[in-house]
N, C-alpha and C. Protein backbone atom coordinates (compact mmCIF):
# COMPACT_ATOMS: atom_id res chain seq x y z
N MET A 1 -8.37 0.69 31.21
CA MET A 1 -9.69 0.11 31.27
C MET A 1 -10.55 0.76 30.19
N LYS A 2 -11.31 -0.06 29.51
CA LYS A 2 -12.21 0.42 28.47
C LYS A 2 -13.62 0.43 29.02
N LEU A 3 -14.32 1.53 28.82
CA LEU A 3 -15.68 1.68 29.29
C LEU A 3 -16.62 1.56 28.09
N VAL A 4 -17.62 0.72 28.21
CA VAL A 4 -18.61 0.53 27.15
C VAL A 4 -19.89 1.20 27.58
N VAL A 5 -20.40 2.06 26.70
CA VAL A 5 -21.61 2.81 27.01
C VAL A 5 -22.57 2.67 25.84
N GLN A 6 -23.81 2.37 26.13
CA GLN A 6 -24.83 2.31 25.09
C GLN A 6 -25.49 3.68 25.01
N VAL A 7 -25.56 4.21 23.80
CA VAL A 7 -26.16 5.53 23.61
C VAL A 7 -27.22 5.45 22.53
N LYS A 8 -28.13 6.39 22.56
CA LYS A 8 -29.14 6.49 21.52
C LYS A 8 -28.93 7.84 20.83
N LEU A 9 -28.71 7.78 19.52
CA LEU A 9 -28.52 9.00 18.76
C LEU A 9 -29.88 9.61 18.44
N LEU A 10 -29.99 10.90 18.66
CA LEU A 10 -31.20 11.64 18.31
C LEU A 10 -30.78 12.78 17.38
N PRO A 11 -30.48 12.45 16.14
CA PRO A 11 -29.99 13.48 15.22
C PRO A 11 -31.10 14.41 14.74
N THR A 12 -30.70 15.61 14.39
CA THR A 12 -31.63 16.53 13.74
C THR A 12 -31.88 15.97 12.33
N PRO A 13 -32.89 16.46 11.64
CA PRO A 13 -33.12 15.97 10.28
C PRO A 13 -31.91 16.14 9.36
N GLU A 14 -31.18 17.24 9.51
CA GLU A 14 -29.99 17.46 8.69
C GLU A 14 -28.90 16.44 9.04
N GLN A 15 -28.70 16.20 10.32
CA GLN A 15 -27.71 15.23 10.76
C GLN A 15 -28.09 13.81 10.31
N ALA A 16 -29.39 13.51 10.36
CA ALA A 16 -29.85 12.18 9.94
C ALA A 16 -29.57 11.97 8.45
N SER A 17 -29.77 13.00 7.64
CA SER A 17 -29.51 12.84 6.21
C SER A 17 -28.02 12.67 5.94
N VAL A 18 -27.17 13.33 6.71
CA VAL A 18 -25.73 13.16 6.55
C VAL A 18 -25.32 11.75 6.99
N LEU A 19 -25.88 11.25 8.09
CA LEU A 19 -25.58 9.89 8.53
C LEU A 19 -26.02 8.86 7.49
N GLU A 20 -27.19 9.07 6.92
CA GLU A 20 -27.69 8.15 5.89
C GLU A 20 -26.80 8.18 4.66
N ALA A 21 -26.37 9.37 4.26
CA ALA A 21 -25.48 9.48 3.11
C ALA A 21 -24.15 8.78 3.38
N THR A 22 -23.65 8.91 4.59
CA THR A 22 -22.40 8.24 4.97
C THR A 22 -22.57 6.73 4.90
N LEU A 23 -23.69 6.23 5.40
CA LEU A 23 -23.97 4.80 5.36
C LEU A 23 -24.01 4.30 3.92
N ARG A 24 -24.67 5.03 3.05
CA ARG A 24 -24.76 4.64 1.64
C ARG A 24 -23.38 4.63 0.98
N VAL A 25 -22.55 5.62 1.28
CA VAL A 25 -21.20 5.67 0.71
C VAL A 25 -20.38 4.48 1.21
N CYS A 26 -20.47 4.16 2.49
CA CYS A 26 -19.73 3.03 3.04
C CYS A 26 -20.14 1.73 2.36
N ASN A 27 -21.41 1.55 2.09
CA ASN A 27 -21.88 0.33 1.43
C ASN A 27 -21.50 0.29 -0.05
N ARG A 28 -21.49 1.43 -0.72
CA ARG A 28 -20.98 1.45 -2.10
C ARG A 28 -19.50 1.10 -2.12
N ALA A 29 -18.76 1.62 -1.15
CA ALA A 29 -17.33 1.32 -1.06
C ALA A 29 -17.11 -0.17 -0.79
N ALA A 30 -17.93 -0.76 0.09
CA ALA A 30 -17.81 -2.19 0.38
C ALA A 30 -18.14 -3.03 -0.85
N THR A 31 -19.13 -2.62 -1.62
CA THR A 31 -19.47 -3.34 -2.85
C THR A 31 -18.32 -3.25 -3.85
N TYR A 32 -17.71 -2.09 -3.96
CA TYR A 32 -16.55 -1.93 -4.84
C TYR A 32 -15.41 -2.85 -4.38
N ALA A 33 -15.12 -2.85 -3.08
CA ALA A 33 -14.06 -3.69 -2.55
C ALA A 33 -14.38 -5.17 -2.78
N SER A 34 -15.65 -5.54 -2.69
CA SER A 34 -16.06 -6.91 -2.94
C SER A 34 -15.81 -7.29 -4.40
N GLN A 35 -16.08 -6.38 -5.31
CA GLN A 35 -15.84 -6.66 -6.73
C GLN A 35 -14.35 -6.87 -6.99
N VAL A 36 -13.52 -6.06 -6.36
CA VAL A 36 -12.06 -6.22 -6.51
C VAL A 36 -11.62 -7.55 -5.90
N ALA A 37 -12.13 -7.87 -4.72
CA ALA A 37 -11.78 -9.13 -4.05
C ALA A 37 -12.17 -10.32 -4.92
N PHE A 38 -13.33 -10.25 -5.54
CA PHE A 38 -13.81 -11.34 -6.39
C PHE A 38 -12.94 -11.46 -7.65
N ALA A 39 -12.67 -10.34 -8.29
CA ALA A 39 -11.90 -10.36 -9.53
C ALA A 39 -10.45 -10.79 -9.31
N GLU A 40 -9.87 -10.33 -8.21
CA GLU A 40 -8.46 -10.62 -7.93
C GLU A 40 -8.27 -11.86 -7.06
N GLU A 41 -9.39 -12.47 -6.65
CA GLU A 41 -9.38 -13.63 -5.76
C GLU A 41 -8.61 -13.37 -4.47
N LEU A 42 -8.85 -12.19 -3.89
CA LEU A 42 -8.22 -11.82 -2.62
C LEU A 42 -9.11 -12.28 -1.48
N LYS A 43 -8.55 -13.04 -0.57
CA LYS A 43 -9.34 -13.59 0.53
C LYS A 43 -8.92 -13.05 1.90
N ASP A 44 -7.72 -12.46 1.97
CA ASP A 44 -7.24 -12.00 3.28
C ASP A 44 -7.37 -10.48 3.39
N ARG A 45 -7.54 -10.02 4.61
CA ARG A 45 -7.76 -8.60 4.88
C ARG A 45 -6.58 -7.75 4.42
N ASN A 46 -5.37 -8.19 4.74
CA ASN A 46 -4.19 -7.38 4.39
C ASN A 46 -4.03 -7.24 2.88
N GLY A 47 -4.23 -8.33 2.15
CA GLY A 47 -4.12 -8.27 0.69
C GLY A 47 -5.17 -7.37 0.07
N LEU A 48 -6.41 -7.50 0.53
CA LEU A 48 -7.49 -6.67 -0.01
C LEU A 48 -7.29 -5.21 0.38
N GLN A 49 -6.90 -4.98 1.61
CA GLN A 49 -6.70 -3.62 2.07
C GLN A 49 -5.58 -2.94 1.28
N LYS A 50 -4.52 -3.67 1.01
CA LYS A 50 -3.42 -3.11 0.21
C LYS A 50 -3.89 -2.74 -1.19
N GLU A 51 -4.81 -3.53 -1.72
CA GLU A 51 -5.30 -3.32 -3.09
C GLU A 51 -6.29 -2.16 -3.20
N VAL A 52 -7.18 -1.98 -2.22
CA VAL A 52 -8.29 -1.03 -2.39
C VAL A 52 -8.28 0.17 -1.44
N TYR A 53 -7.43 0.17 -0.44
CA TYR A 53 -7.48 1.22 0.59
C TYR A 53 -7.41 2.63 -0.02
N ALA A 54 -6.42 2.88 -0.85
CA ALA A 54 -6.27 4.21 -1.45
C ALA A 54 -7.47 4.56 -2.32
N ASP A 55 -7.99 3.58 -3.06
CA ASP A 55 -9.18 3.82 -3.88
C ASP A 55 -10.39 4.18 -3.04
N LEU A 56 -10.59 3.48 -1.93
CA LEU A 56 -11.74 3.77 -1.08
C LEU A 56 -11.68 5.19 -0.54
N LYS A 57 -10.48 5.61 -0.17
CA LYS A 57 -10.33 6.96 0.35
C LYS A 57 -10.52 8.01 -0.75
N ALA A 58 -9.92 7.78 -1.91
CA ALA A 58 -9.98 8.76 -2.99
C ALA A 58 -11.34 8.77 -3.69
N ARG A 59 -11.82 7.60 -4.08
CA ARG A 59 -13.04 7.49 -4.88
C ARG A 59 -14.30 7.78 -4.07
N PHE A 60 -14.32 7.33 -2.82
CA PHE A 60 -15.54 7.46 -2.02
C PHE A 60 -15.43 8.51 -0.93
N GLY A 61 -14.26 9.11 -0.76
CA GLY A 61 -14.09 10.16 0.23
C GLY A 61 -14.13 9.68 1.66
N LEU A 62 -13.82 8.40 1.87
CA LEU A 62 -13.85 7.85 3.23
C LEU A 62 -12.57 8.23 3.98
N SER A 63 -12.70 8.43 5.28
CA SER A 63 -11.51 8.60 6.09
C SER A 63 -10.93 7.22 6.39
N ALA A 64 -9.84 7.19 7.11
CA ALA A 64 -9.08 5.94 7.28
C ALA A 64 -9.89 4.82 7.92
N GLN A 65 -10.50 5.07 9.07
CA GLN A 65 -11.17 3.98 9.79
C GLN A 65 -12.39 3.43 9.05
N PRO A 66 -13.28 4.26 8.50
CA PRO A 66 -14.38 3.68 7.72
C PRO A 66 -13.89 2.86 6.51
N ALA A 67 -12.79 3.27 5.90
CA ALA A 67 -12.24 2.49 4.77
C ALA A 67 -11.78 1.12 5.25
N VAL A 68 -11.10 1.09 6.38
CA VAL A 68 -10.64 -0.19 6.95
C VAL A 68 -11.83 -1.06 7.35
N ARG A 69 -12.86 -0.46 7.93
CA ARG A 69 -14.04 -1.22 8.34
C ARG A 69 -14.79 -1.77 7.13
N ALA A 70 -14.80 -1.04 6.02
CA ALA A 70 -15.45 -1.55 4.80
C ALA A 70 -14.70 -2.78 4.28
N VAL A 71 -13.37 -2.74 4.32
CA VAL A 71 -12.57 -3.89 3.89
C VAL A 71 -12.86 -5.08 4.78
N LYS A 72 -12.90 -4.86 6.08
CA LYS A 72 -13.16 -5.94 7.04
C LYS A 72 -14.55 -6.54 6.81
N LYS A 73 -15.52 -5.68 6.50
CA LYS A 73 -16.88 -6.14 6.23
C LYS A 73 -16.90 -7.09 5.03
N VAL A 74 -16.14 -6.76 4.00
CA VAL A 74 -16.06 -7.59 2.80
C VAL A 74 -15.40 -8.93 3.10
N VAL A 75 -14.27 -8.88 3.80
CA VAL A 75 -13.54 -10.11 4.13
C VAL A 75 -14.41 -11.03 4.99
N ASP A 76 -15.13 -10.46 5.94
CA ASP A 76 -16.02 -11.25 6.79
C ASP A 76 -17.16 -11.88 5.97
N ALA A 77 -17.69 -11.13 5.01
CA ALA A 77 -18.78 -11.66 4.18
C ALA A 77 -18.30 -12.85 3.35
N TYR A 78 -17.10 -12.75 2.78
CA TYR A 78 -16.58 -13.87 2.00
C TYR A 78 -16.22 -15.06 2.90
N ALA A 79 -15.77 -14.80 4.11
CA ALA A 79 -15.49 -15.90 5.04
C ALA A 79 -16.78 -16.63 5.40
N THR A 80 -17.85 -15.89 5.60
CA THR A 80 -19.15 -16.50 5.89
C THR A 80 -19.64 -17.31 4.69
N LEU A 81 -19.47 -16.77 3.49
CA LEU A 81 -19.87 -17.50 2.29
C LEU A 81 -19.10 -18.81 2.18
N ARG A 82 -17.78 -18.76 2.38
CA ARG A 82 -16.97 -19.99 2.30
C ARG A 82 -17.42 -21.01 3.34
N ALA A 83 -17.72 -20.56 4.56
CA ALA A 83 -18.17 -21.47 5.61
C ALA A 83 -19.50 -22.12 5.22
N ASN A 84 -20.40 -21.34 4.65
CA ASN A 84 -21.69 -21.89 4.23
C ASN A 84 -21.54 -22.88 3.08
N LEU A 85 -20.61 -22.60 2.18
CA LEU A 85 -20.35 -23.53 1.08
C LEU A 85 -19.79 -24.85 1.60
N ARG A 86 -18.81 -24.76 2.52
CA ARG A 86 -18.20 -25.97 3.09
C ARG A 86 -19.21 -26.79 3.88
N ALA A 87 -20.12 -26.10 4.57
CA ALA A 87 -21.11 -26.79 5.38
C ALA A 87 -22.25 -27.38 4.54
N GLY A 88 -22.28 -27.04 3.28
CA GLY A 88 -23.33 -27.57 2.41
C GLY A 88 -24.64 -26.82 2.52
N ASN A 89 -24.62 -25.64 3.13
CA ASN A 89 -25.85 -24.88 3.32
C ASN A 89 -26.44 -24.34 2.03
N LEU A 90 -25.65 -24.32 0.96
CA LEU A 90 -26.14 -23.83 -0.33
C LEU A 90 -26.30 -24.96 -1.33
N GLY A 91 -26.31 -26.17 -0.84
CA GLY A 91 -26.49 -27.33 -1.69
C GLY A 91 -25.18 -27.83 -2.26
N PRO A 92 -25.25 -28.84 -3.12
CA PRO A 92 -24.02 -29.37 -3.74
C PRO A 92 -23.49 -28.39 -4.79
N PRO A 93 -22.22 -28.53 -5.16
CA PRO A 93 -21.63 -27.62 -6.15
C PRO A 93 -22.36 -27.58 -7.49
N THR A 94 -23.16 -28.56 -7.78
CA THR A 94 -23.89 -28.57 -9.04
C THR A 94 -25.22 -27.83 -8.96
N SER A 95 -25.64 -27.43 -7.76
CA SER A 95 -26.95 -26.80 -7.61
C SER A 95 -26.91 -25.35 -8.11
N LYS A 96 -28.07 -24.88 -8.52
CA LYS A 96 -28.21 -23.52 -9.03
C LYS A 96 -27.86 -22.50 -7.95
N ARG A 97 -28.31 -22.74 -6.74
CA ARG A 97 -28.06 -21.82 -5.62
C ARG A 97 -26.57 -21.70 -5.31
N TYR A 98 -25.86 -22.81 -5.32
CA TYR A 98 -24.41 -22.83 -5.08
C TYR A 98 -23.69 -22.05 -6.18
N ARG A 99 -24.03 -22.35 -7.44
CA ARG A 99 -23.37 -21.69 -8.57
C ARG A 99 -23.63 -20.19 -8.58
N LYS A 100 -24.84 -19.78 -8.20
CA LYS A 100 -25.17 -18.35 -8.13
C LYS A 100 -24.34 -17.67 -7.05
N ALA A 101 -24.14 -18.34 -5.92
CA ALA A 101 -23.39 -17.75 -4.81
C ALA A 101 -21.92 -17.56 -5.14
N VAL A 102 -21.34 -18.49 -5.89
CA VAL A 102 -19.91 -18.39 -6.20
C VAL A 102 -19.65 -17.71 -7.55
N GLY A 103 -20.69 -17.41 -8.29
CA GLY A 103 -20.52 -16.88 -9.64
C GLY A 103 -20.46 -15.37 -9.74
N ALA A 104 -20.70 -14.66 -8.65
CA ALA A 104 -20.71 -13.20 -8.71
C ALA A 104 -20.21 -12.64 -7.38
N PRO A 105 -19.69 -11.41 -7.41
CA PRO A 105 -19.23 -10.80 -6.15
C PRO A 105 -20.39 -10.51 -5.21
N ILE A 106 -20.10 -10.50 -3.94
CA ILE A 106 -21.10 -10.16 -2.93
C ILE A 106 -21.41 -8.68 -3.04
N GLY A 107 -22.68 -8.35 -2.98
CA GLY A 107 -23.12 -6.95 -3.00
C GLY A 107 -23.70 -6.57 -1.66
N PHE A 108 -23.67 -5.29 -1.35
CA PHE A 108 -24.19 -4.80 -0.07
C PHE A 108 -25.32 -3.81 -0.34
N ARG A 109 -26.43 -4.01 0.36
CA ARG A 109 -27.58 -3.12 0.22
C ARG A 109 -27.19 -1.70 0.66
N PRO A 110 -27.80 -0.65 0.08
CA PRO A 110 -27.45 0.72 0.46
C PRO A 110 -27.66 1.01 1.96
N GLU A 111 -28.66 0.37 2.57
CA GLU A 111 -28.94 0.62 3.99
C GLU A 111 -28.38 -0.47 4.90
N ALA A 112 -27.50 -1.34 4.38
CA ALA A 112 -26.94 -2.41 5.21
C ALA A 112 -26.13 -1.81 6.35
N ALA A 113 -26.10 -2.53 7.45
CA ALA A 113 -25.39 -2.05 8.64
C ALA A 113 -23.91 -1.84 8.35
N GLN A 114 -23.35 -0.85 8.99
CA GLN A 114 -21.92 -0.56 8.86
C GLN A 114 -21.33 -0.50 10.26
N PRO A 115 -20.28 -1.26 10.52
CA PRO A 115 -19.69 -1.21 11.86
C PRO A 115 -18.98 0.11 12.11
N PHE A 116 -19.20 0.65 13.28
CA PHE A 116 -18.50 1.85 13.73
C PHE A 116 -17.83 1.53 15.05
N ASP A 117 -16.71 2.14 15.29
CA ASP A 117 -16.06 1.98 16.58
C ASP A 117 -15.61 3.35 17.08
N ASP A 118 -14.90 3.36 18.19
CA ASP A 118 -14.54 4.63 18.80
C ASP A 118 -13.58 5.44 17.94
N ARG A 119 -12.97 4.84 16.94
CA ARG A 119 -12.09 5.58 16.04
C ARG A 119 -12.86 6.23 14.90
N CYS A 120 -14.15 5.91 14.75
CA CYS A 120 -14.97 6.49 13.69
C CYS A 120 -15.77 7.69 14.19
N LEU A 121 -16.02 7.74 15.46
CA LEU A 121 -16.88 8.78 16.03
C LEU A 121 -16.11 9.69 16.95
N SER A 122 -16.57 10.92 17.05
CA SER A 122 -16.03 11.82 18.05
C SER A 122 -17.21 12.45 18.79
N TRP A 123 -17.03 12.71 20.04
CA TRP A 123 -18.10 13.26 20.87
C TRP A 123 -17.78 14.71 21.16
N GLN A 124 -18.76 15.57 20.95
CA GLN A 124 -18.55 17.00 21.20
C GLN A 124 -19.65 17.53 22.09
């Protein structure tokens, strides 16, 4: 049985700065993975993960689970973009908005949310 508990983190100022730095690194890693996905036209999680996993760990210093979550974040973002394009939410293929969306890799803001799960955190 899995127990779900909602908690509120009350970090010290030092802990908060470390958490913020971790968030920024995860988003830089996701932006890098997005650039690779765009350049290599990788659309599936396994293909992208095979291509960038070692780089995310080495270049950005991420441990295993945050690296996997960054890849998943990228794949989900591209899936959402494809769904919006198919639904016509960005206009016809000739529109400026459509061309802008498909013409460059997806970028992630430094403070964008990063998914965490029980494999990313430890309680002490």
